[in-house]
Amino acid sequence: MGGPWPGTPVNCGIHDSNASLLPYLKGHEAPFAVVSTGTWVIAMAIGGRMSRNIGNLDEARDTLVNVNALGAPVPSARFMGGREYEALGAPAGTTPQGIAAALT
């Protein structure tokens, strides 16, 4: 199916969390987990179960199935940990009160 600009080059890339998983896919056997950190914390469970029937993936808790660079499904969980890390890195955030405030 052609678009309005036939012959337009398209480049594909890879998201940073998926890129961090790739070396482990080539060097380890399942099961194992990789946690990629940044703005988002992405926990990827290679060889993990993916059945919604057993209740281990809950979209309300931001658990989902991603696709790795090789095209295989990967059960994953994510949360925006970068905000909390930034809050804890501020001078006021290093106090017990600042840590408690960042975690609530």
PDB file of N, CA and C in Angstrom:
ATOM      1  N   MET A   1       0.851  -1.181   0.000  1.00  0.00           N
ATOM      2  CA  MET A   1       0.000   0.000   0.000  1.00  0.00           C
ATOM      3  C   MET A   1       0.890   1.234   0.000  1.00  0.00           C
ATOM      4  N   GLY A   2       0.791   2.040  -0.997  1.00  0.00           N
ATOM      5  CA  GLY A   2       1.632   3.219  -1.122  1.00  0.00           C
ATOM      6  C   GLY A   2       1.057   4.405  -0.384  1.00  0.00           C
ATOM      7  N   GLY A   3       1.938   5.234   0.116  1.00  0.00           N
ATOM      8  CA  GLY A   3       1.517   6.453   0.786  1.00  0.00           C
ATOM      9  C   GLY A   3       1.582   7.622  -0.185  1.00  0.00           C
ATOM     10  N   PRO A   4       1.420   8.819   0.318  1.00  0.00           N
ATOM     11  CA  PRO A   4       1.433   9.984  -0.559  1.00  0.00           C
ATOM     12  C   PRO A   4       2.821  10.310  -1.109  1.00  0.00           C
ATOM     13  N   TRP A   5       3.885   9.738  -0.520  1.00  0.00           N
ATOM     14  CA  TRP A   5       5.243  10.003  -0.968  1.00  0.00           C
ATOM     15  C   TRP A   5       5.976   8.699  -1.261  1.00  0.00           C
ATOM     16  N   PRO A   6       5.667   8.045  -2.375  1.00  0.00           N
ATOM     17  CA  PRO A   6       6.345   6.784  -2.705  1.00  0.00           C
ATOM     18  C   PRO A   6       7.861   6.985  -2.755  1.00  0.00           C
ATOM     19  N   GLY A   7       8.574   5.987  -2.285  1.00  0.00           N
ATOM     20  CA  GLY A   7      10.028   6.046  -2.288  1.00  0.00           C
ATOM     21  C   GLY A   7      10.627   6.758  -1.094  1.00  0.00           C
ATOM     22  N   THR A   8       9.798   7.232  -0.188  1.00  0.00           N
ATOM     23  CA  THR A   8      10.309   7.898   1.008  1.00  0.00           C
ATOM     24  C   THR A   8      10.991   6.862   1.890  1.00  0.00           C
ATOM     25  N   PRO A   9      12.271   7.080   2.235  1.00  0.00           N
ATOM     26  CA  PRO A   9      12.961   6.103   3.092  1.00  0.00           C
ATOM     27  C   PRO A   9      12.372   6.105   4.501  1.00  0.00           C
ATOM     28  N   VAL A  10      12.286   4.940   5.085  1.00  0.00           N
ATOM     29  CA  VAL A  10      11.794   4.777   6.449  1.00  0.00           C
ATOM     30  C   VAL A  10      12.877   4.069   7.248  1.00  0.00           C
ATOM     31  N   ASN A  11      13.264   4.647   8.359  1.00  0.00           N
ATOM     32  CA  ASN A  11      14.249   4.037   9.242  1.00  0.00           C
ATOM     33  C   ASN A  11      13.550   3.553  10.496  1.00  0.00           C
ATOM     34  N   CYS A  12      13.925   2.382  10.936  1.00  0.00           N
ATOM     35  CA  CYS A  12      13.350   1.824  12.159  1.00  0.00           C
ATOM     36  C   CYS A  12      14.410   1.797  13.239  1.00  0.00           C
ATOM     37  N   GLY A  13      13.985   2.026  14.447  1.00  0.00           N
ATOM     38  CA  GLY A  13      14.900   2.005  15.574  1.00  0.00           C
ATOM     39  C   GLY A  13      14.387   1.071  16.646  1.00  0.00           C
ATOM     40  N   ILE A  14      14.982   1.187  17.823  1.00  0.00           N
ATOM     41  CA  ILE A  14      14.599   0.341  18.940  1.00  0.00           C
ATOM     42  C   ILE A  14      14.543   1.211  20.195  1.00  0.00           C
ATOM     43  N   HIS A  15      13.548   0.978  21.017  1.00  0.00           N
ATOM     44  CA  HIS A  15      13.413   1.732  22.260  1.00  0.00           C
ATOM     45  C   HIS A  15      14.538   1.333  23.216  1.00  0.00           C
ATOM     46  N   ASP A  16      14.964   2.251  24.065  1.00  0.00           N
ATOM     47  CA  ASP A  16      16.113   1.995  24.929  1.00  0.00           C
ATOM     48  C   ASP A  16      15.941   0.791  25.839  1.00  0.00           C
ATOM     49  N   SER A  17      14.748   0.581  26.394  1.00  0.00           N
ATOM     50  CA  SER A  17      14.581  -0.576  27.278  1.00  0.00           C
ATOM     51  C   SER A  17      14.674  -1.876  26.485  1.00  0.00           C
ATOM     52  N   ASN A  18      14.143  -1.884  25.283  1.00  0.00           N
ATOM     53  CA  ASN A  18      14.232  -3.069  24.441  1.00  0.00           C
ATOM     54  C   ASN A  18      15.680  -3.283  23.983  1.00  0.00           C
ATOM     55  N   ALA A  19      16.401  -2.204  23.727  1.00  0.00           N
ATOM     56  CA  ALA A  19      17.809  -2.310  23.353  1.00  0.00           C
ATOM     57  C   ALA A  19      18.638  -2.879  24.504  1.00  0.00           C
ATOM     58  N   SER A  20      18.305  -2.510  25.739  1.00  0.00           N
ATOM     59  CA  SER A  20      19.061  -3.033  26.877  1.00  0.00           C
ATOM     60  C   SER A  20      18.814  -4.523  27.079  1.00  0.00           C
ATOM     61  N   LEU A  21      17.698  -5.022  26.588  1.00  0.00           N
ATOM     62  CA  LEU A  21      17.370  -6.439  26.710  1.00  0.00           C
ATOM     63  C   LEU A  21      18.119  -7.291  25.682  1.00  0.00           C
ATOM     64  N   LEU A  22      18.382  -6.746  24.519  1.00  0.00           N
ATOM     65  CA  LEU A  22      18.927  -7.517  23.399  1.00  0.00           C
ATOM     66  C   LEU A  22      20.202  -8.307  23.711  1.00  0.00           C
ATOM     67  N   PRO A  23      21.215  -7.742  24.362  1.00  0.00           N
ATOM     68  CA  PRO A  23      22.424  -8.546  24.642  1.00  0.00           C
ATOM     69  C   PRO A  23      22.133  -9.772  25.515  1.00  0.00           C
ATOM     70  N   TYR A  24      21.151  -9.646  26.408  1.00  0.00           N
ATOM     71  CA  TYR A  24      20.812 -10.765  27.291  1.00  0.00           C
ATOM     72  C   TYR A  24      20.065 -11.857  26.528  1.00  0.00           C
ATOM     73  N   LEU A  25      19.276 -11.454  25.535  1.00  0.00           N
ATOM     74  CA  LEU A  25      18.573 -12.443  24.711  1.00  0.00           C
ATOM     75  C   LEU A  25      19.565 -13.320  23.964  1.00  0.00           C
ATOM     76  N   LYS A  26      20.680 -12.736  23.587  1.00  0.00           N
ATOM     77  CA  LYS A  26      21.681 -13.472  22.815  1.00  0.00           C
ATOM     78  C   LYS A  26      22.634 -14.267  23.704  1.00  0.00           C
ATOM     79  N   GLY A  27      22.681 -13.982  24.996  1.00  0.00           N
ATOM     80  CA  GLY A  27      23.673 -14.627  25.842  1.00  0.00           C
ATOM     81  C   GLY A  27      23.148 -15.429  27.012  1.00  0.00           C
ATOM     82  N   HIS A  28      21.834 -15.470  27.206  1.00  0.00           N
ATOM     83  CA  HIS A  28      21.263 -16.169  28.352  1.00  0.00           C
ATOM     84  C   HIS A  28      20.071 -17.012  27.927  1.00  0.00           C
ATOM     85  N   GLU A  29      19.809 -18.040  28.693  1.00  0.00           N
ATOM     86  CA  GLU A  29      18.622 -18.863  28.461  1.00  0.00           C
ATOM     87  C   GLU A  29      17.545 -18.493  29.464  1.00  0.00           C
ATOM     88  N   ALA A  30      16.301 -18.553  29.010  1.00  0.00           N
ATOM     89  CA  ALA A  30      15.158 -18.277  29.889  1.00  0.00           C
ATOM     90  C   ALA A  30      15.064 -19.363  30.949  1.00  0.00           C
ATOM     91  N   PRO A  31      14.557 -19.024  32.095  1.00  0.00           N
ATOM     92  CA  PRO A  31      13.974 -17.750  32.485  1.00  0.00           C
ATOM     93  C   PRO A  31      15.005 -16.808  33.100  1.00  0.00           C
ATOM     94  N   PHE A  32      14.803 -15.526  32.852  1.00  0.00           N
ATOM     95  CA  PHE A  32      15.596 -14.481  33.502  1.00  0.00           C
ATOM     96  C   PHE A  32      14.833 -13.167  33.377  1.00  0.00           C
ATOM     97  N   ALA A  33      15.284 -12.165  34.103  1.00  0.00           N
ATOM     98  CA  ALA A  33      14.633 -10.851  34.063  1.00  0.00           C
ATOM     99  C   ALA A  33      15.679  -9.775  33.832  1.00  0.00           C
ATOM    100  N   VAL A  34      15.255  -8.721  33.171  1.00  0.00           N
ATOM    101  CA  VAL A  34      16.081  -7.530  32.977  1.00  0.00           C
ATOM    102  C   VAL A  34      15.237  -6.338  33.408  1.00  0.00           C
ATOM    103  N   VAL A  35      15.847  -5.431  34.170  1.00  0.00           N
ATOM    104  CA  VAL A  35      15.163  -4.210  34.591  1.00  0.00           C
ATOM    105  C   VAL A  35      15.909  -3.040  33.965  1.00  0.00           C
ATOM    106  N   SER A  36      15.202  -2.280  33.155  1.00  0.00           N
ATOM    107  CA  SER A  36      15.753  -1.098  32.502  1.00  0.00           C
ATOM    108  C   SER A  36      15.242   0.119  33.256  1.00  0.00           C
ATOM    109  N   THR A  37      16.155   1.032  33.618  1.00  0.00           N
ATOM    110  CA  THR A  37      15.748   2.196  34.400  1.00  0.00           C
ATOM    111  C   THR A  37      15.985   3.479  33.619  1.00  0.00           C
ATOM    112  N   GLY A  38      15.201   4.447  33.932  1.00  0.00           N
ATOM    113  CA  GLY A  38      15.260   5.764  33.307  1.00  0.00           C
ATOM    114  C   GLY A  38      14.026   6.509  33.758  1.00  0.00           C
ATOM    115  N   THR A  39      13.418   7.277  32.863  1.00  0.00           N
ATOM    116  CA  THR A  39      12.151   7.913  33.201  1.00  0.00           C
ATOM    117  C   THR A  39      11.145   6.847  33.607  1.00  0.00           C
ATOM    118  N   TRP A  40      11.129   5.762  32.844  1.00  0.00           N
ATOM    119  CA  TRP A  40      10.307   4.596  33.159  1.00  0.00           C
ATOM    120  C   TRP A  40      11.197   3.481  33.660  1.00  0.00           C
ATOM    121  N   VAL A  41      10.727   2.732  34.625  1.00  0.00           N
ATOM    122  CA  VAL A  41      11.386   1.499  35.052  1.00  0.00           C
ATOM    123  C   VAL A  41      10.601   0.380  34.380  1.00  0.00           C
ATOM    124  N   ILE A  42      11.281  -0.394  33.547  1.00  0.00           N
ATOM    125  CA  ILE A  42      10.647  -1.485  32.799  1.00  0.00           C
ATOM    126  C   ILE A  42      11.269  -2.790  33.274  1.00  0.00           C
ATOM    127  N   ALA A  43      10.456  -3.665  33.848  1.00  0.00           N
ATOM    128  CA  ALA A  43      10.907  -4.994  34.271  1.00  0.00           C
ATOM    129  C   ALA A  43      10.399  -5.993  33.237  1.00  0.00           C
ATOM    130  N   MET A  44      11.327  -6.729  32.622  1.00  0.00           N
ATOM    131  CA  MET A  44      10.980  -7.673  31.553  1.00  0.00           C
ATOM    132  C   MET A  44      11.321  -9.089  32.001  1.00  0.00           C
ATOM    133  N   ALA A  45      10.355  -9.993  31.908  1.00  0.00           N
ATOM    134  CA  ALA A  45      10.504 -11.369  32.389  1.00  0.00           C
ATOM    135  C   ALA A  45      10.593 -12.323  31.198  1.00  0.00           C
ATOM    136  N   ILE A  46      11.804 -12.639  30.795  1.00  0.00           N
ATOM    137  CA  ILE A  46      11.998 -13.566  29.680  1.00  0.00           C
ATOM    138  C   ILE A  46      11.651 -14.971  30.177  1.00  0.00           C
ATOM    139  N   GLY A  47      10.722 -15.614  29.481  1.00  0.00           N
ATOM    140  CA  GLY A  47      10.273 -16.935  29.893  1.00  0.00           C
ATOM    141  C   GLY A  47       9.158 -16.888  30.923  1.00  0.00           C
ATOM    142  N   GLY A  48       8.663 -15.680  31.233  1.00  0.00           N
ATOM    143  CA  GLY A  48       7.584 -15.541  32.203  1.00  0.00           C
ATOM    144  C   GLY A  48       6.236 -15.933  31.618  1.00  0.00           C
ATOM    145  N   ARG A  49       5.292 -16.247  32.499  1.00  0.00           N
ATOM    146  CA  ARG A  49       3.947 -16.630  32.047  1.00  0.00           C
ATOM    147  C   ARG A  49       3.170 -15.398  31.612  1.00  0.00           C
ATOM    148  N   MET A  50       2.305 -15.577  30.619  1.00  0.00           N
ATOM    149  CA  MET A  50       1.563 -14.448  30.069  1.00  0.00           C
ATOM    150  C   MET A  50       0.060 -14.629  30.093  1.00  0.00           C
ATOM    151  N   SER A  51      -0.457 -15.630  30.738  1.00  0.00           N
ATOM    152  CA  SER A  51      -1.887 -15.902  30.708  1.00  0.00           C
ATOM    153  C   SER A  51      -2.653 -14.935  31.605  1.00  0.00           C
ATOM    154  N   ARG A  52      -3.628 -14.246  31.044  1.00  0.00           N
ATOM    155  CA  ARG A  52      -4.493 -13.377  31.861  1.00  0.00           C
ATOM    156  C   ARG A  52      -5.410 -14.210  32.745  1.00  0.00           C
ATOM    157  N   ASN A  53      -5.625 -15.478  32.385  1.00  0.00           N
ATOM    158  CA  ASN A  53      -6.532 -16.337  33.152  1.00  0.00           C
ATOM    159  C   ASN A  53      -6.025 -16.601  34.564  1.00  0.00           C
ATOM    160  N   ILE A  54      -4.723 -16.587  34.755  1.00  0.00           N
ATOM    161  CA  ILE A  54      -4.196 -16.843  36.094  1.00  0.00           C
ATOM    162  C   ILE A  54      -3.947 -15.543  36.862  1.00  0.00           C
ATOM    163  N   GLY A  55      -4.284 -14.419  36.229  1.00  0.00           N
ATOM    164  CA  GLY A  55      -4.249 -13.145  36.935  1.00  0.00           C
ATOM    165  C   GLY A  55      -2.875 -12.553  37.137  1.00  0.00           C
ATOM    166  N   ASN A  56      -1.866 -12.993  36.386  1.00  0.00           N
ATOM    167  CA  ASN A  56      -0.539 -12.435  36.632  1.00  0.00           C
ATOM    168  C   ASN A  56      -0.230 -11.221  35.756  1.00  0.00           C
ATOM    169  N   LEU A  57      -1.095 -10.883  34.804  1.00  0.00           N
ATOM    170  CA  LEU A  57      -0.951  -9.643  34.047  1.00  0.00           C
ATOM    171  C   LEU A  57      -2.217  -8.821  34.248  1.00  0.00           C
ATOM    172  N   ASP A  58      -2.045  -7.626  34.786  1.00  0.00           N
ATOM    173  CA  ASP A  58      -3.176  -6.778  35.132  1.00  0.00           C
ATOM    174  C   ASP A  58      -2.908  -5.386  34.581  1.00  0.00           C
ATOM    175  N   GLU A  59      -3.651  -4.995  33.546  1.00  0.00           N
ATOM    176  CA  GLU A  59      -3.393  -3.701  32.928  1.00  0.00           C
ATOM    177  C   GLU A  59      -3.586  -2.542  33.898  1.00  0.00           C
ATOM    178  N   ALA A  60      -4.414  -2.702  34.905  1.00  0.00           N
ATOM    179  CA  ALA A  60      -4.601  -1.653  35.902  1.00  0.00           C
ATOM    180  C   ALA A  60      -3.328  -1.444  36.724  1.00  0.00           C
ATOM    181  N   ARG A  61      -2.491  -2.473  36.790  1.00  0.00           N
ATOM    182  CA  ARG A  61      -1.209  -2.376  37.513  1.00  0.00           C
ATOM    183  C   ARG A  61      -0.049  -2.168  36.540  1.00  0.00           C
ATOM    184  N   ASP A  62      -0.369  -1.855  35.287  1.00  0.00           N
ATOM    185  CA  ASP A  62       0.595  -1.579  34.223  1.00  0.00           C
ATOM    186  C   ASP A  62       1.530  -2.753  33.962  1.00  0.00           C
ATOM    187  N   THR A  63       0.950  -3.944  33.962  1.00  0.00           N
ATOM    188  CA  THR A  63       1.676  -5.127  33.513  1.00  0.00           C
ATOM    189  C   THR A  63       1.114  -5.480  32.149  1.00  0.00           C
ATOM    190  N   LEU A  64       1.980  -5.813  31.222  1.00  0.00           N
ATOM    191  CA  LEU A  64       1.582  -5.991  29.839  1.00  0.00           C
ATOM    192  C   LEU A  64       2.564  -6.915  29.135  1.00  0.00           C
ATOM    193  N   VAL A  65       2.302  -7.186  27.875  1.00  0.00           N
ATOM    194  CA  VAL A  65       3.213  -7.983  27.064  1.00  0.00           C
ATOM    195  C   VAL A  65       3.795  -7.073  26.000  1.00  0.00           C
ATOM    196  N   ASN A  66       5.112  -6.892  26.024  1.00  0.00           N
ATOM    197  CA  ASN A  66       5.836  -6.172  24.982  1.00  0.00           C
ATOM    198  C   ASN A  66       6.337  -7.177  23.963  1.00  0.00           C
ATOM    199  N   VAL A  67       6.928  -6.687  22.900  1.00  0.00           N
ATOM    200  CA  VAL A  67       7.553  -7.535  21.893  1.00  0.00           C
ATOM    201  C   VAL A  67       9.025  -7.151  21.847  1.00  0.00           C
ATOM    202  N   ASN A  68       9.914  -8.150  21.979  1.00  0.00           N
ATOM    203  CA  ASN A  68      11.337  -7.829  21.976  1.00  0.00           C
ATOM    204  C   ASN A  68      11.850  -7.619  20.552  1.00  0.00           C
ATOM    205  N   ALA A  69      13.125  -7.280  20.419  1.00  0.00           N
ATOM    206  CA  ALA A  69      13.719  -6.966  19.120  1.00  0.00           C
ATOM    207  C   ALA A  69      13.713  -8.154  18.170  1.00  0.00           C
ATOM    208  N   LEU A  70      13.553  -9.360  18.693  1.00  0.00           N
ATOM    209  CA  LEU A  70      13.527 -10.558  17.850  1.00  0.00           C
ATOM    210  C   LEU A  70      12.099 -10.971  17.513  1.00  0.00           C
ATOM    211  N   GLY A  71      11.117 -10.201  17.982  1.00  0.00           N
ATOM    212  CA  GLY A  71       9.719 -10.462  17.671  1.00  0.00           C
ATOM    213  C   GLY A  71       8.990 -11.367  18.645  1.00  0.00           C
ATOM    214  N   ALA A  72       9.621 -11.727  19.753  1.00  0.00           N
ATOM    215  CA  ALA A  72       9.002 -12.617  20.734  1.00  0.00           C
ATOM    216  C   ALA A  72       8.285 -11.810  21.821  1.00  0.00           C
ATOM    217  N   PRO A  73       7.177 -12.338  22.355  1.00  0.00           N
ATOM    218  CA  PRO A  73       6.461 -11.639  23.432  1.00  0.00           C
ATOM    219  C   PRO A  73       7.255 -11.682  24.742  1.00  0.00           C
ATOM    220  N   VAL A  74       7.169 -10.589  25.501  1.00  0.00           N
ATOM    221  CA  VAL A  74       7.869 -10.479  26.783  1.00  0.00           C
ATOM    222  C   VAL A  74       6.916  -9.904  27.821  1.00  0.00           C
ATOM    223  N   PRO A  75       6.518 -10.702  28.839  1.00  0.00           N
ATOM    224  CA  PRO A  75       5.703 -10.121  29.907  1.00  0.00           C
ATOM    225  C   PRO A  75       6.523  -9.054  30.635  1.00  0.00           C
ATOM    226  N   SER A  76       5.891  -7.920  30.870  1.00  0.00           N
ATOM    227  CA  SER A  76       6.610  -6.769  31.413  1.00  0.00           C
ATOM    228  C   SER A  76       5.750  -6.023  32.422  1.00  0.00           C
ATOM    229  N   ALA A  77       6.416  -5.239  33.236  1.00  0.00           N
ATOM    230  CA  ALA A  77       5.748  -4.322  34.161  1.00  0.00           C
ATOM    231  C   ALA A  77       6.499  -3.006  34.079  1.00  0.00           C
ATOM    232  N   ARG A  78       5.788  -1.919  34.288  1.00  0.00           N
ATOM    233  CA  ARG A  78       6.456  -0.620  34.190  1.00  0.00           C
ATOM    234  C   ARG A  78       5.853   0.367  35.176  1.00  0.00           C
ATOM    235  N   PHE A  79       6.672   1.322  35.561  1.00  0.00           N
ATOM    236  CA  PHE A  79       6.193   2.455  36.349  1.00  0.00           C
ATOM    237  C   PHE A  79       7.143   3.608  36.123  1.00  0.00           C
ATOM    238  N   MET A  80       6.672   4.822  36.366  1.00  0.00           N
ATOM    239  CA  MET A  80       7.475   6.007  36.103  1.00  0.00           C
ATOM    240  C   MET A  80       8.378   6.288  37.300  1.00  0.00           C
ATOM    241  N   GLY A  81       9.463   5.544  37.394  1.00  0.00           N
ATOM    242  CA  GLY A  81      10.377   5.662  38.519  1.00  0.00           C
ATOM    243  C   GLY A  81      11.288   6.873  38.450  1.00  0.00           C
ATOM    244  N   GLY A  82      11.471   7.452  37.280  1.00  0.00           N
ATOM    245  CA  GLY A  82      12.357   8.607  37.142  1.00  0.00           C
ATOM    246  C   GLY A  82      11.920   9.800  37.959  1.00  0.00           C
ATOM    247  N   ARG A  83      10.616   9.999  38.074  1.00  0.00           N
ATOM    248  CA  ARG A  83      10.101  11.117  38.893  1.00  0.00           C
ATOM    249  C   ARG A  83      10.505  10.945  40.345  1.00  0.00           C
ATOM    250  N   GLU A  84      10.326   9.727  40.854  1.00  0.00           N
ATOM    251  CA  GLU A  84      10.668   9.468  42.253  1.00  0.00           C
ATOM    252  C   GLU A  84      12.182   9.612  42.465  1.00  0.00           C
ATOM    253  N   TYR A  85      12.956   9.111  41.529  1.00  0.00           N
ATOM    254  CA  TYR A  85      14.415   9.212  41.641  1.00  0.00           C
ATOM    255  C   TYR A  85      14.836  10.684  41.650  1.00  0.00           C
ATOM    256  N   GLU A  86      14.253  11.485  40.763  1.00  0.00           N
ATOM    257  CA  GLU A  86      14.578  12.905  40.718  1.00  0.00           C
ATOM    258  C   GLU A  86      14.193  13.588  42.031  1.00  0.00           C
ATOM    259  N   ALA A  87      13.029  13.240  42.566  1.00  0.00           N
ATOM    260  CA  ALA A  87      12.588  13.840  43.826  1.00  0.00           C
ATOM    261  C   ALA A  87      13.537  13.470  44.962  1.00  0.00           C
ATOM    262  N   LEU A  88      14.019  12.219  44.966  1.00  0.00           N
ATOM    263  CA  LEU A  88      14.934  11.791  46.024  1.00  0.00           C
ATOM    264  C   LEU A  88      16.315  12.402  45.872  1.00  0.00           C
ATOM    265  N   GLY A  89      16.682  12.798  44.656  1.00  0.00           N
ATOM    266  CA  GLY A  89      18.007  13.368  44.416  1.00  0.00           C
ATOM    267  C   GLY A  89      18.135  14.812  44.840  1.00  0.00           C
ATOM    268  N   ALA A  90      17.023  15.491  45.039  1.00  0.00           N
ATOM    269  CA  ALA A  90      17.074  16.879  45.483  1.00  0.00           C
ATOM    270  C   ALA A  90      17.545  16.926  46.933  1.00  0.00           C
ATOM    271  N   PRO A  91      18.237  17.998  47.325  1.00  0.00           N
ATOM    272  CA  PRO A  91      18.751  18.058  48.700  1.00  0.00           C
ATOM    273  C   PRO A  91      17.682  17.798  49.761  1.00  0.00           C
ATOM    274  N   ALA A  92      16.497  18.369  49.593  1.00  0.00           N
ATOM    275  CA  ALA A  92      15.440  18.141  50.583  1.00  0.00           C
ATOM    276  C   ALA A  92      14.928  16.709  50.511  1.00  0.00           C
ATOM    277  N   GLY A  93      15.082  16.062  49.353  1.00  0.00           N
ATOM    278  CA  GLY A  93      14.578  14.706  49.181  1.00  0.00           C
ATOM    279  C   GLY A  93      15.400  13.642  49.869  1.00  0.00           C
ATOM    280  N   THR A  94      16.583  13.986  50.353  1.00  0.00           N
ATOM    281  CA  THR A  94      17.429  12.994  50.986  1.00  0.00           C
ATOM    282  C   THR A  94      17.151  12.822  52.478  1.00  0.00           C
ATOM    283  N   THR A  95      16.239  13.603  53.000  1.00  0.00           N
ATOM    284  CA  THR A  95      15.850  13.456  54.404  1.00  0.00           C
ATOM    285  C   THR A  95      14.791  12.349  54.511  1.00  0.00           C
ATOM    286  N   PRO A  96      14.612  11.753  55.669  1.00  0.00           N
ATOM    287  CA  PRO A  96      13.544  10.756  55.805  1.00  0.00           C
ATOM    288  C   PRO A  96      12.177  11.332  55.426  1.00  0.00           C
ATOM    289  N   GLN A  97      11.921  12.602  55.769  1.00  0.00           N
ATOM    290  CA  GLN A  97      10.643  13.216  55.425  1.00  0.00           C
ATOM    291  C   GLN A  97      10.521  13.390  53.906  1.00  0.00           C
ATOM    292  N   GLY A  98      11.603  13.781  53.243  1.00  0.00           N
ATOM    293  CA  GLY A  98      11.588  13.953  51.790  1.00  0.00           C
ATOM    294  C   GLY A  98      11.391  12.639  51.072  1.00  0.00           C
ATOM    295  N   ILE A  99      12.014  11.588  51.566  1.00  0.00           N
ATOM    296  CA  ILE A  99      11.850  10.252  50.967  1.00  0.00           C
ATOM    297  C   ILE A  99      10.414   9.794  51.138  1.00  0.00           C
ATOM    298  N   ALA A 100       9.852   9.967  52.337  1.00  0.00           N
ATOM    299  CA  ALA A 100       8.461   9.570  52.580  1.00  0.00           C
ATOM    300  C   ALA A 100       7.520  10.344  51.673  1.00  0.00           C
ATOM    301  N   ALA A 101       7.767  11.648  51.478  1.00  0.00           N
ATOM    302  CA  ALA A 101       6.906  12.457  50.620  1.00  0.00           C
ATOM    303  C   ALA A 101       6.992  12.003  49.165  1.00  0.00           C
ATOM    304  N   ALA A 102       8.177  11.615  48.701  1.00  0.00           N
ATOM    305  CA  ALA A 102       8.348  11.180  47.315  1.00  0.00           C
ATOM    306  C   ALA A 102       7.667   9.836  47.062  1.00  0.00           C
ATOM    307  N   LEU A 103       7.575   8.999  48.083  1.00  0.00           N
ATOM    308  CA  LEU A 103       7.002   7.676  47.921  1.00  0.00           C
ATOM    309  C   LEU A 103       5.489   7.642  48.109  1.00  0.00           C
ATOM    310  N   THR A 104       4.889   8.764  48.501  1.00  0.00           N
ATOM    311  CA  THR A 104       3.424   8.774  48.692  1.00  0.00           C
ATOM    312  C   THR A 104       2.735   9.496  47.568  1.00  0.00           C
TER     313      THR A 104
END
